[in-house]
Amino acid sequence: MLNVGLTGGIACGKSTVAQMFVRLGGHLIDFDKLAHEVQEPGKPAWRDVVDFFGAEILQTDKRINRNKLAAIVFNQPEKLKRLNTIVHPRIFEEWCRRLEEIKTQNPHAIIFADVPLLFEGGMQHLFDLTILVMVEPAQQIKRLIARNAICRADAELRLLSQMPIRDKITLADIVIDNQCAIQETQTKVADVWRGLLDRERSKKS
């Protein structure tokens, strides 16, 4: 099994690249989806989040209103830290469970964990290698404005909340530049995939 961490800056096209790897035969575990799942109504993380932040963060269906919660923690680092201490251990447990499940079914699987804040969280040690999907900051802002229908100031603020892409490049084992046409990105992903297959085979020998 090869355990790959996949990350990128906001609006860099990481999810698109992740799906390219899936089509080539990779297995994907999306940390954002895990975060949603562990906070479903009635689950332990859901109870702890509601106990700390109050029932006013809930929608009528008892699900957590993520926009309300984000508004609370965005400018309050101590509350964000508390949220992370509640949710992150549950995400890690579920990720480990899924890794083992995939490994049992396919001992030679190449598994990608889509982790938005992989480097910010210092999680490199959890993976055999890391892949960064990147575009230049100006392109990130342009894509973010179009994707989220927000103003430039808000886009720049969101970019500033993450580690600069240049710092991430120095930490990644593999960098996929996604500023080109999608066909070029597909070619790059296919090249990386062949290298991952070779690496997984070398682990078996």
N, C-alpha and C. Protein backbone atom coordinates (compact mmCIF):
# COMPACT_ATOMS: atom_id res chain seq x y z
N MET A 1 0.84 -1.19 0.00
CA MET A 1 0.00 0.00 0.00
C MET A 1 0.88 1.24 0.00
N LEU A 2 0.45 2.25 -0.74
CA LEU A 2 1.15 3.53 -0.75
C LEU A 2 0.18 4.58 -0.23
N ASN A 3 0.61 5.29 0.79
CA ASN A 3 -0.23 6.26 1.50
C ASN A 3 0.21 7.67 1.12
N VAL A 4 -0.62 8.35 0.32
CA VAL A 4 -0.23 9.63 -0.27
C VAL A 4 -1.08 10.76 0.30
N GLY A 5 -0.43 11.83 0.72
CA GLY A 5 -1.14 13.03 1.16
C GLY A 5 -1.25 13.99 -0.01
N LEU A 6 -2.46 14.41 -0.33
CA LEU A 6 -2.72 15.32 -1.45
C LEU A 6 -3.26 16.64 -0.91
N THR A 7 -2.62 17.74 -1.26
CA THR A 7 -3.03 19.03 -0.73
C THR A 7 -2.84 20.12 -1.76
N GLY A 8 -3.22 21.33 -1.41
CA GLY A 8 -3.08 22.47 -2.32
C GLY A 8 -3.67 23.71 -1.68
N GLY A 9 -3.34 24.85 -2.23
CA GLY A 9 -3.95 26.08 -1.75
C GLY A 9 -5.40 26.16 -2.19
N ILE A 10 -6.10 27.10 -1.61
CA ILE A 10 -7.50 27.28 -1.95
C ILE A 10 -7.64 27.65 -3.43
N ALA A 11 -8.63 27.03 -4.10
CA ALA A 11 -8.93 27.28 -5.51
C ALA A 11 -7.79 26.90 -6.45
N CYS A 12 -7.00 25.89 -6.05
CA CYS A 12 -5.90 25.42 -6.91
C CYS A 12 -6.31 24.23 -7.78
N GLY A 13 -7.50 23.70 -7.59
CA GLY A 13 -7.94 22.57 -8.40
C GLY A 13 -7.57 21.22 -7.83
N LYS A 14 -7.35 21.16 -6.53
CA LYS A 14 -6.95 19.91 -5.87
C LYS A 14 -7.98 18.81 -6.04
N SER A 15 -9.25 19.14 -5.90
CA SER A 15 -10.30 18.12 -6.02
C SER A 15 -10.38 17.57 -7.43
N THR A 16 -10.15 18.42 -8.42
CA THR A 16 -10.13 17.96 -9.81
C THR A 16 -9.00 16.97 -10.03
N VAL A 17 -7.83 17.29 -9.52
CA VAL A 17 -6.67 16.40 -9.63
C VAL A 17 -6.93 15.09 -8.89
N ALA A 18 -7.56 15.19 -7.73
CA ALA A 18 -7.88 13.98 -6.95
C ALA A 18 -8.74 13.02 -7.77
N GLN A 19 -9.74 13.55 -8.46
CA GLN A 19 -10.61 12.71 -9.28
C GLN A 19 -9.86 12.11 -10.47
N MET A 20 -8.87 12.81 -10.98
CA MET A 20 -8.03 12.25 -12.05
C MET A 20 -7.29 11.01 -11.54
N PHE A 21 -6.76 11.08 -10.34
CA PHE A 21 -6.07 9.93 -9.75
C PHE A 21 -7.03 8.77 -9.51
N VAL A 22 -8.26 9.08 -9.11
CA VAL A 22 -9.26 8.03 -8.90
C VAL A 22 -9.57 7.32 -10.20
N ARG A 23 -9.70 8.08 -11.29
CA ARG A 23 -10.00 7.46 -12.59
C ARG A 23 -8.85 6.57 -13.07
N LEU A 24 -7.64 6.86 -12.60
CA LEU A 24 -6.49 6.03 -12.97
C LEU A 24 -6.36 4.79 -12.10
N GLY A 25 -7.15 4.73 -11.02
CA GLY A 25 -7.13 3.54 -10.17
C GLY A 25 -6.82 3.81 -8.70
N GLY A 26 -6.62 5.06 -8.35
CA GLY A 26 -6.33 5.40 -6.96
C GLY A 26 -7.58 5.36 -6.09
N HIS A 27 -7.37 5.25 -4.79
CA HIS A 27 -8.45 5.31 -3.80
C HIS A 27 -8.36 6.67 -3.11
N LEU A 28 -9.51 7.28 -2.85
CA LEU A 28 -9.54 8.62 -2.29
C LEU A 28 -10.26 8.65 -0.95
N ILE A 29 -9.64 9.30 0.02
CA ILE A 29 -10.29 9.60 1.30
C ILE A 29 -10.26 11.12 1.46
N ASP A 30 -11.43 11.73 1.46
CA ASP A 30 -11.57 13.19 1.50
C ASP A 30 -11.76 13.63 2.95
N PHE A 31 -10.78 14.37 3.49
CA PHE A 31 -10.84 14.79 4.89
C PHE A 31 -11.99 15.75 5.16
N ASP A 32 -12.36 16.59 4.18
CA ASP A 32 -13.51 17.48 4.36
C ASP A 32 -14.79 16.66 4.55
N LYS A 33 -14.94 15.60 3.75
CA LYS A 33 -16.12 14.74 3.88
C LYS A 33 -16.10 14.01 5.23
N LEU A 34 -14.91 13.58 5.66
CA LEU A 34 -14.82 12.93 6.97
C LEU A 34 -15.26 13.89 8.07
N ALA A 35 -14.84 15.17 7.95
CA ALA A 35 -15.22 16.16 8.95
C ALA A 35 -16.74 16.32 9.02
N HIS A 36 -17.40 16.28 7.87
CA HIS A 36 -18.87 16.36 7.84
C HIS A 36 -19.47 15.12 8.49
N GLU A 37 -18.93 13.96 8.15
CA GLU A 37 -19.51 12.70 8.63
C GLU A 37 -19.38 12.54 10.15
N VAL A 38 -18.22 12.91 10.70
CA VAL A 38 -18.05 12.72 12.15
C VAL A 38 -18.89 13.73 12.95
N GLN A 39 -19.41 14.78 12.27
CA GLN A 39 -20.25 15.76 12.95
C GLN A 39 -21.73 15.61 12.61
N GLU A 40 -22.11 14.45 12.10
CA GLU A 40 -23.53 14.21 11.85
C GLU A 40 -24.29 14.14 13.16
N PRO A 41 -25.58 14.54 13.15
CA PRO A 41 -26.36 14.58 14.39
C PRO A 41 -26.29 13.28 15.17
N GLY A 42 -26.03 13.42 16.47
CA GLY A 42 -26.00 12.28 17.37
C GLY A 42 -24.64 11.66 17.57
N LYS A 43 -23.71 11.94 16.67
CA LYS A 43 -22.37 11.35 16.82
C LYS A 43 -21.60 12.09 17.92
N PRO A 44 -20.58 11.44 18.51
CA PRO A 44 -19.86 12.06 19.63
C PRO A 44 -19.31 13.45 19.33
N ALA A 45 -18.71 13.64 18.16
CA ALA A 45 -18.16 14.96 17.83
C ALA A 45 -19.28 16.00 17.74
N TRP A 46 -20.42 15.61 17.19
CA TRP A 46 -21.57 16.52 17.10
C TRP A 46 -22.01 16.96 18.49
N ARG A 47 -22.11 16.01 19.41
CA ARG A 47 -22.54 16.34 20.77
C ARG A 47 -21.55 17.29 21.44
N ASP A 48 -20.26 17.03 21.27
CA ASP A 48 -19.25 17.88 21.91
C ASP A 48 -19.23 19.28 21.32
N VAL A 49 -19.42 19.38 19.99
CA VAL A 49 -19.45 20.70 19.35
C VAL A 49 -20.66 21.49 19.82
N VAL A 50 -21.82 20.84 19.89
CA VAL A 50 -23.04 21.53 20.33
C VAL A 50 -22.94 21.92 21.80
N ASP A 51 -22.36 21.05 22.62
CA ASP A 51 -22.18 21.37 24.04
C ASP A 51 -21.33 22.62 24.22
N PHE A 52 -20.30 22.76 23.38
CA PHE A 52 -19.39 23.89 23.54
C PHE A 52 -19.93 25.17 22.91
N PHE A 53 -20.49 25.07 21.70
CA PHE A 53 -20.89 26.28 20.96
C PHE A 53 -22.35 26.64 21.13
N GLY A 54 -23.16 25.71 21.64
CA GLY A 54 -24.56 26.02 21.87
C GLY A 54 -25.47 25.59 20.73
N ALA A 55 -26.74 25.39 21.06
CA ALA A 55 -27.71 24.88 20.08
C ALA A 55 -28.02 25.88 18.98
N GLU A 56 -27.62 27.14 19.16
CA GLU A 56 -27.91 28.14 18.13
C GLU A 56 -27.12 27.90 16.83
N ILE A 57 -26.13 27.02 16.86
CA ILE A 57 -25.39 26.70 15.63
C ILE A 57 -26.10 25.62 14.81
N LEU A 58 -27.23 25.10 15.32
CA LEU A 58 -27.92 24.02 14.64
C LEU A 58 -28.98 24.54 13.67
N GLN A 59 -29.16 23.80 12.59
CA GLN A 59 -30.26 24.05 11.67
C GLN A 59 -31.51 23.34 12.21
N THR A 60 -32.63 23.51 11.52
CA THR A 60 -33.87 22.89 12.00
C THR A 60 -33.79 21.36 11.94
N ASP A 61 -32.92 20.82 11.06
CA ASP A 61 -32.78 19.36 10.98
C ASP A 61 -31.73 18.81 11.94
N LYS A 62 -31.26 19.69 12.85
CA LYS A 62 -30.27 19.33 13.88
C LYS A 62 -28.84 19.23 13.37
N ARG A 63 -28.66 19.43 12.06
CA ARG A 63 -27.29 19.45 11.55
C ARG A 63 -26.62 20.77 11.90
N ILE A 64 -25.29 20.72 12.01
CA ILE A 64 -24.55 21.93 12.34
C ILE A 64 -24.55 22.86 11.13
N ASN A 65 -24.89 24.13 11.37
CA ASN A 65 -24.82 25.14 10.33
C ASN A 65 -23.36 25.57 10.21
N ARG A 66 -22.68 25.08 9.18
CA ARG A 66 -21.24 25.28 9.06
C ARG A 66 -20.88 26.76 8.85
N ASN A 67 -21.77 27.50 8.21
CA ASN A 67 -21.51 28.93 8.02
C ASN A 67 -21.54 29.68 9.35
N LYS A 68 -22.52 29.33 10.19
CA LYS A 68 -22.59 29.96 11.51
C LYS A 68 -21.37 29.60 12.36
N LEU A 69 -21.00 28.34 12.31
CA LEU A 69 -19.85 27.90 13.08
C LEU A 69 -18.57 28.56 12.58
N ALA A 70 -18.43 28.67 11.27
CA ALA A 70 -17.24 29.31 10.70
C ALA A 70 -17.16 30.77 11.10
N ALA A 71 -18.32 31.44 11.14
CA ALA A 71 -18.34 32.85 11.52
C ALA A 71 -17.89 33.04 12.97
N ILE A 72 -18.19 32.06 13.81
CA ILE A 72 -17.80 32.14 15.22
C ILE A 72 -16.29 31.97 15.39
N VAL A 73 -15.73 30.97 14.69
CA VAL A 73 -14.33 30.62 14.94
C VAL A 73 -13.35 31.41 14.08
N PHE A 74 -13.83 32.09 13.04
CA PHE A 74 -12.92 32.71 12.07
C PHE A 74 -11.97 33.71 12.73
N ASN A 75 -12.49 34.53 13.62
CA ASN A 75 -11.66 35.56 14.27
C ASN A 75 -11.44 35.29 15.76
N GLN A 76 -11.67 34.04 16.16
CA GLN A 76 -11.47 33.69 17.57
C GLN A 76 -10.60 32.42 17.64
N PRO A 77 -9.28 32.60 17.62
CA PRO A 77 -8.36 31.46 17.56
C PRO A 77 -8.57 30.43 18.66
N GLU A 78 -8.95 30.89 19.86
CA GLU A 78 -9.12 29.93 20.96
C GLU A 78 -10.32 29.01 20.71
N LYS A 79 -11.36 29.55 20.07
CA LYS A 79 -12.53 28.72 19.77
C LYS A 79 -12.25 27.80 18.59
N LEU A 80 -11.47 28.27 17.63
CA LEU A 80 -11.06 27.41 16.52
C LEU A 80 -10.22 26.25 17.05
N LYS A 81 -9.33 26.56 17.97
CA LYS A 81 -8.48 25.51 18.55
C LYS A 81 -9.34 24.48 19.26
N ARG A 82 -10.36 24.93 19.99
CA ARG A 82 -11.25 24.01 20.69
C ARG A 82 -12.02 23.14 19.70
N LEU A 83 -12.50 23.75 18.62
CA LEU A 83 -13.22 22.98 17.59
C LEU A 83 -12.31 21.90 17.01
N ASN A 84 -11.07 22.27 16.74
CA ASN A 84 -10.13 21.31 16.17
C ASN A 84 -9.83 20.16 17.13
N THR A 85 -9.72 20.46 18.41
CA THR A 85 -9.43 19.39 19.38
C THR A 85 -10.61 18.43 19.52
N ILE A 86 -11.81 18.91 19.22
CA ILE A 86 -12.99 18.03 19.24
C ILE A 86 -13.05 17.16 17.98
N VAL A 87 -12.86 17.79 16.83
CA VAL A 87 -13.14 17.13 15.55
C VAL A 87 -11.95 16.32 15.02
N HIS A 88 -10.75 16.86 15.11
CA HIS A 88 -9.60 16.22 14.47
C HIS A 88 -9.33 14.79 14.93
N PRO A 89 -9.39 14.48 16.24
CA PRO A 89 -9.15 13.08 16.64
C PRO A 89 -10.15 12.11 16.02
N ARG A 90 -11.41 12.54 15.88
CA ARG A 90 -12.43 11.67 15.27
C ARG A 90 -12.15 11.48 13.78
N ILE A 91 -11.70 12.54 13.11
CA ILE A 91 -11.34 12.42 11.69
C ILE A 91 -10.19 11.44 11.53
N PHE A 92 -9.18 11.56 12.38
CA PHE A 92 -8.01 10.69 12.30
C PHE A 92 -8.40 9.22 12.51
N GLU A 93 -9.27 8.98 13.48
CA GLU A 93 -9.73 7.62 13.74
C GLU A 93 -10.44 7.03 12.51
N GLU A 94 -11.31 7.83 11.90
CA GLU A 94 -12.07 7.35 10.74
C GLU A 94 -11.14 7.14 9.55
N TRP A 95 -10.17 8.02 9.39
CA TRP A 95 -9.19 7.86 8.30
C TRP A 95 -8.41 6.56 8.46
N CYS A 96 -7.94 6.28 9.67
CA CYS A 96 -7.19 5.04 9.93
C CYS A 96 -8.06 3.82 9.66
N ARG A 97 -9.35 3.90 10.04
CA ARG A 97 -10.26 2.78 9.80
C ARG A 97 -10.41 2.52 8.30
N ARG A 98 -10.54 3.60 7.52
CA ARG A 98 -10.72 3.44 6.07
C ARG A 98 -9.44 2.97 5.39
N LEU A 99 -8.30 3.43 5.88
CA LEU A 99 -7.03 2.93 5.34
C LEU A 99 -6.95 1.41 5.48
N GLU A 100 -7.28 0.93 6.66
CA GLU A 100 -7.21 -0.51 6.91
C GLU A 100 -8.23 -1.27 6.07
N GLU A 101 -9.40 -0.68 5.90
CA GLU A 101 -10.45 -1.30 5.10
C GLU A 101 -10.01 -1.46 3.65
N ILE A 102 -9.42 -0.39 3.09
CA ILE A 102 -8.94 -0.45 1.70
C ILE A 102 -7.77 -1.42 1.58
N LYS A 103 -6.87 -1.36 2.55
CA LYS A 103 -5.69 -2.23 2.52
C LYS A 103 -6.09 -3.70 2.58
N THR A 104 -7.12 -4.02 3.35
CA THR A 104 -7.59 -5.40 3.45
C THR A 104 -8.13 -5.89 2.11
N GLN A 105 -8.85 -5.00 1.42
CA GLN A 105 -9.42 -5.36 0.12
C GLN A 105 -8.38 -5.38 -0.99
N ASN A 106 -7.39 -4.49 -0.89
CA ASN A 106 -6.36 -4.37 -1.93
C ASN A 106 -5.03 -4.00 -1.27
N PRO A 107 -4.21 -4.99 -0.93
CA PRO A 107 -2.96 -4.73 -0.20
C PRO A 107 -1.98 -3.83 -0.96
N HIS A 108 -2.17 -3.69 -2.27
CA HIS A 108 -1.24 -2.88 -3.06
C HIS A 108 -1.90 -1.58 -3.55
N ALA A 109 -2.92 -1.15 -2.85
CA ALA A 109 -3.64 0.07 -3.23
C ALA A 109 -2.74 1.30 -3.09
N ILE A 110 -3.03 2.29 -3.94
CA ILE A 110 -2.45 3.63 -3.77
C ILE A 110 -3.59 4.51 -3.26
N ILE A 111 -3.44 5.00 -2.04
CA ILE A 111 -4.52 5.71 -1.36
C ILE A 111 -4.15 7.19 -1.21
N PHE A 112 -5.03 8.05 -1.69
CA PHE A 112 -4.83 9.50 -1.60
C PHE A 112 -5.72 10.06 -0.48
N ALA A 113 -5.12 10.79 0.43
CA ALA A 113 -5.89 11.52 1.43
C ALA A 113 -5.91 12.99 1.02
N ASP A 114 -7.09 13.49 0.68
CA ASP A 114 -7.28 14.89 0.29
C ASP A 114 -7.36 15.72 1.56
N VAL A 115 -6.27 16.42 1.89
CA VAL A 115 -6.17 17.16 3.15
C VAL A 115 -5.88 18.63 2.86
N PRO A 116 -6.87 19.52 2.97
CA PRO A 116 -6.66 20.92 2.60
C PRO A 116 -5.53 21.60 3.37
N LEU A 117 -5.42 21.36 4.67
CA LEU A 117 -4.42 22.05 5.50
C LEU A 117 -3.35 21.07 5.98
N LEU A 118 -2.88 20.24 5.07
CA LEU A 118 -1.90 19.20 5.42
C LEU A 118 -0.64 19.81 6.01
N PHE A 119 -0.06 20.79 5.32
CA PHE A 119 1.19 21.39 5.79
C PHE A 119 0.96 22.32 6.97
N GLU A 120 -0.16 23.05 6.96
CA GLU A 120 -0.47 23.92 8.11
C GLU A 120 -0.58 23.10 9.39
N GLY A 121 -1.09 21.86 9.25
CA GLY A 121 -1.26 21.00 10.41
C GLY A 121 -0.04 20.14 10.72
N GLY A 122 1.03 20.29 9.94
CA GLY A 122 2.24 19.51 10.18
C GLY A 122 2.01 18.02 10.09
N MET A 123 1.22 17.58 9.10
CA MET A 123 0.83 16.17 9.01
C MET A 123 1.66 15.36 8.02
N GLN A 124 2.76 15.93 7.54
CA GLN A 124 3.56 15.23 6.53
C GLN A 124 3.99 13.84 6.99
N HIS A 125 4.27 13.69 8.28
CA HIS A 125 4.79 12.43 8.81
C HIS A 125 3.78 11.29 8.71
N LEU A 126 2.52 11.60 8.44
CA LEU A 126 1.49 10.56 8.36
C LEU A 126 1.50 9.84 7.01
N PHE A 127 2.26 10.34 6.05
CA PHE A 127 2.18 9.83 4.68
C PHE A 127 3.53 9.35 4.17
N ASP A 128 3.47 8.44 3.18
CA ASP A 128 4.69 7.99 2.52
C ASP A 128 5.30 9.12 1.69
N LEU A 129 4.44 9.93 1.09
CA LEU A 129 4.88 11.12 0.36
C LEU A 129 3.71 12.07 0.22
N THR A 130 4.02 13.33 -0.15
CA THR A 130 2.97 14.34 -0.29
C THR A 130 3.02 14.94 -1.68
N ILE A 131 1.82 15.26 -2.20
CA ILE A 131 1.67 15.90 -3.50
C ILE A 131 0.96 17.24 -3.30
N LEU A 132 1.53 18.28 -3.88
CA LEU A 132 0.93 19.62 -3.82
C LEU A 132 0.41 20.01 -5.19
N VAL A 133 -0.86 20.42 -5.25
CA VAL A 133 -1.44 21.00 -6.46
C VAL A 133 -1.39 22.51 -6.29
N MET A 134 -0.80 23.21 -7.25
CA MET A 134 -0.60 24.64 -7.06
C MET A 134 -0.93 25.46 -8.31
N VAL A 135 -1.33 26.70 -8.07
CA VAL A 135 -1.35 27.75 -9.09
C VAL A 135 -0.79 29.00 -8.40
N GLU A 136 -0.42 29.98 -9.18
CA GLU A 136 0.11 31.22 -8.61
C GLU A 136 -0.99 31.97 -7.85
N PRO A 137 -0.61 32.74 -6.82
CA PRO A 137 -1.61 33.46 -6.00
C PRO A 137 -2.59 34.32 -6.80
N ALA A 138 -2.11 34.99 -7.83
CA ALA A 138 -3.01 35.83 -8.63
C ALA A 138 -4.10 34.99 -9.28
N GLN A 139 -3.72 33.79 -9.72
CA GLN A 139 -4.70 32.88 -10.32
C GLN A 139 -5.64 32.33 -9.25
N GLN A 140 -5.13 32.06 -8.06
CA GLN A 140 -5.99 31.60 -6.96
C GLN A 140 -7.08 32.62 -6.68
N ILE A 141 -6.70 33.88 -6.59
CA ILE A 141 -7.67 34.94 -6.29
C ILE A 141 -8.71 35.03 -7.39
N LYS A 142 -8.25 34.99 -8.64
CA LYS A 142 -9.17 35.06 -9.78
C LYS A 142 -10.18 33.92 -9.74
N ARG A 143 -9.69 32.69 -9.50
CA ARG A 143 -10.57 31.52 -9.45
C ARG A 143 -11.51 31.59 -8.25
N LEU A 144 -11.00 32.06 -7.14
CA LEU A 144 -11.82 32.13 -5.91
C LEU A 144 -12.96 33.12 -6.06
N ILE A 145 -12.69 34.26 -6.67
CA ILE A 145 -13.74 35.26 -6.92
C ILE A 145 -14.84 34.67 -7.80
N ALA A 146 -14.42 33.95 -8.85
CA ALA A 146 -15.39 33.37 -9.78
C ALA A 146 -16.16 32.22 -9.13
N ARG A 147 -15.45 31.37 -8.38
CA ARG A 147 -16.08 30.17 -7.81
C ARG A 147 -17.04 30.50 -6.67
N ASN A 148 -16.63 31.42 -5.80
CA ASN A 148 -17.41 31.70 -4.59
C ASN A 148 -18.25 32.97 -4.69
N ALA A 149 -18.14 33.68 -5.82
CA ALA A 149 -18.89 34.93 -6.01
C ALA A 149 -18.63 35.91 -4.86
N ILE A 150 -17.35 36.12 -4.56
CA ILE A 150 -16.96 37.04 -3.49
C ILE A 150 -16.12 38.16 -4.08
N CYS A 151 -15.93 39.22 -3.29
CA CYS A 151 -15.13 40.35 -3.77
C CYS A 151 -13.64 40.04 -3.62
N ARG A 152 -12.81 40.84 -4.27
CA ARG A 152 -11.36 40.62 -4.22
C ARG A 152 -10.82 40.69 -2.80
N ALA A 153 -11.31 41.62 -2.00
CA ALA A 153 -10.81 41.77 -0.63
C ALA A 153 -11.05 40.50 0.17
N ASP A 154 -12.24 39.91 0.03
CA ASP A 154 -12.54 38.67 0.75
C ASP A 154 -11.67 37.53 0.25
N ALA A 155 -11.45 37.48 -1.06
CA ALA A 155 -10.61 36.42 -1.62
C ALA A 155 -9.18 36.54 -1.10
N GLU A 156 -8.67 37.76 -1.05
CA GLU A 156 -7.31 37.97 -0.56
C GLU A 156 -7.21 37.60 0.92
N LEU A 157 -8.26 37.88 1.68
CA LEU A 157 -8.27 37.55 3.10
C LEU A 157 -8.22 36.03 3.31
N ARG A 158 -8.97 35.31 2.50
CA ARG A 158 -8.97 33.85 2.60
C ARG A 158 -7.61 33.28 2.22
N LEU A 159 -6.98 33.88 1.24
CA LEU A 159 -5.66 33.42 0.84
C LEU A 159 -4.64 33.65 1.96
N LEU A 160 -4.75 34.78 2.62
CA LEU A 160 -3.82 35.11 3.71
C LEU A 160 -3.98 34.19 4.91
N SER A 161 -5.15 33.54 5.02
CA SER A 161 -5.38 32.65 6.18
C SER A 161 -4.66 31.32 6.02
N GLN A 162 -4.12 31.05 4.81
CA GLN A 162 -3.40 29.81 4.56
C GLN A 162 -1.90 30.06 4.42
N MET A 163 -1.14 29.00 4.58
CA MET A 163 0.30 29.08 4.34
C MET A 163 0.55 29.48 2.89
N PRO A 164 1.48 30.41 2.63
CA PRO A 164 1.78 30.81 1.25
C PRO A 164 2.16 29.60 0.40
N ILE A 165 1.71 29.61 -0.85
CA ILE A 165 1.94 28.46 -1.73
C ILE A 165 3.43 28.21 -1.93
N ARG A 166 4.24 29.25 -1.91
CA ARG A 166 5.69 29.07 -2.08
C ARG A 166 6.30 28.29 -0.93
N ASP A 167 5.77 28.49 0.27
CA ASP A 167 6.25 27.74 1.43
C ASP A 167 5.84 26.27 1.32
N LYS A 168 4.65 26.03 0.76
CA LYS A 168 4.19 24.66 0.60
C LYS A 168 5.04 23.90 -0.43
N ILE A 169 5.47 24.60 -1.46
CA ILE A 169 6.28 23.97 -2.50
C ILE A 169 7.54 23.36 -1.90
N THR A 170 8.15 24.06 -0.96
CA THR A 170 9.39 23.57 -0.35
C THR A 170 9.16 22.34 0.52
N LEU A 171 7.92 22.12 0.93
CA LEU A 171 7.60 20.99 1.82
C LEU A 171 7.12 19.75 1.06
N ALA A 172 6.62 19.94 -0.15
CA ALA A 172 6.01 18.84 -0.89
C ALA A 172 7.06 17.96 -1.56
N ASP A 173 6.74 16.66 -1.68
CA ASP A 173 7.60 15.74 -2.41
C ASP A 173 7.39 15.86 -3.92
N ILE A 174 6.15 16.09 -4.32
CA ILE A 174 5.80 16.23 -5.74
C ILE A 174 4.90 17.46 -5.88
N VAL A 175 5.16 18.28 -6.91
CA VAL A 175 4.34 19.46 -7.17
C VAL A 175 3.71 19.32 -8.55
N ILE A 176 2.38 19.50 -8.61
CA ILE A 176 1.66 19.51 -9.88
C ILE A 176 1.18 20.93 -10.14
N ASP A 177 1.76 21.58 -11.14
CA ASP A 177 1.37 22.93 -11.52
C ASP A 177 0.07 22.84 -12.33
N ASN A 178 -0.99 23.42 -11.81
CA ASN A 178 -2.32 23.29 -12.43
C ASN A 178 -2.79 24.58 -13.08
N GLN A 179 -1.84 25.39 -13.57
CA GLN A 179 -2.21 26.65 -14.22
C GLN A 179 -2.48 26.47 -15.71
N CYS A 180 -2.24 25.27 -16.21
CA CYS A 180 -2.34 25.00 -17.64
C CYS A 180 -3.75 24.51 -18.00
N ALA A 181 -3.92 24.16 -19.26
CA ALA A 181 -5.18 23.56 -19.71
C ALA A 181 -5.37 22.20 -19.05
N ILE A 182 -6.63 21.79 -18.92
CA ILE A 182 -6.92 20.56 -18.19
C ILE A 182 -6.26 19.34 -18.83
N GLN A 183 -6.11 19.35 -20.15
CA GLN A 183 -5.46 18.23 -20.81
C GLN A 183 -4.00 18.10 -20.40
N GLU A 184 -3.34 19.25 -20.20
CA GLU A 184 -1.95 19.23 -19.75
C GLU A 184 -1.85 18.72 -18.32
N THR A 185 -2.81 19.14 -17.48
CA THR A 185 -2.83 18.64 -16.10
C THR A 185 -3.02 17.13 -16.08
N GLN A 186 -3.91 16.63 -16.94
CA GLN A 186 -4.14 15.18 -17.02
C GLN A 186 -2.85 14.44 -17.40
N THR A 187 -2.08 15.02 -18.31
CA THR A 187 -0.81 14.41 -18.70
C THR A 187 0.16 14.38 -17.52
N LYS A 188 0.22 15.48 -16.78
CA LYS A 188 1.09 15.54 -15.60
C LYS A 188 0.67 14.52 -14.56
N VAL A 189 -0.64 14.42 -14.32
CA VAL A 189 -1.15 13.47 -13.33
C VAL A 189 -0.83 12.04 -13.75
N ALA A 190 -0.98 11.73 -15.03
CA ALA A 190 -0.67 10.39 -15.53
C ALA A 190 0.81 10.06 -15.32
N ASP A 191 1.68 11.05 -15.52
CA ASP A 191 3.12 10.84 -15.29
C ASP A 191 3.39 10.56 -13.81
N VAL A 192 2.76 11.34 -12.95
CA VAL A 192 2.93 11.13 -11.51
C VAL A 192 2.40 9.75 -11.11
N TRP A 193 1.26 9.36 -11.67
CA TRP A 193 0.65 8.07 -11.36
C TRP A 193 1.60 6.92 -11.69
N ARG A 194 2.25 7.01 -12.86
CA ARG A 194 3.21 5.96 -13.23
C ARG A 194 4.35 5.88 -12.22
N GLY A 195 4.80 7.03 -11.75
CA GLY A 195 5.85 7.04 -10.74
C GLY A 195 5.39 6.44 -9.42
N LEU A 196 4.12 6.69 -9.05
CA LEU A 196 3.58 6.11 -7.82
C LEU A 196 3.45 4.59 -7.94
N LEU A 197 3.03 4.13 -9.10
CA LEU A 197 2.95 2.68 -9.32
C LEU A 197 4.33 2.04 -9.16
N ASP A 198 5.35 2.66 -9.73
CA ASP A 198 6.71 2.14 -9.60
C ASP A 198 7.14 2.12 -8.13
N ARG A 199 6.79 3.19 -7.42
CA ARG A 199 7.18 3.27 -6.00
C ARG A 199 6.47 2.19 -5.19
N GLU A 200 5.18 1.97 -5.48
CA GLU A 200 4.45 0.93 -4.73
C GLU A 200 5.02 -0.45 -5.03
N ARG A 201 5.38 -0.69 -6.29
CA ARG A 201 5.97 -1.99 -6.65
C ARG A 201 7.30 -2.19 -5.93
N SER A 202 8.07 -1.12 -5.81
CA SER A 202 9.38 -1.25 -5.14
C SER A 202 9.23 -1.55 -3.65
N LYS A 203 8.10 -1.13 -3.08
CA LYS A 203 7.84 -1.46 -1.67
C LYS A 203 7.58 -2.95 -1.49
N LYS A 204 7.00 -3.58 -2.53
CA LYS A 204 6.67 -5.00 -2.45
C LYS A 204 7.92 -5.87 -2.54
N SER A 205 8.94 -5.38 -3.26
CA SER A 205 10.12 -6.22 -3.52
C SER A 205 11.10 -6.18 -2.35
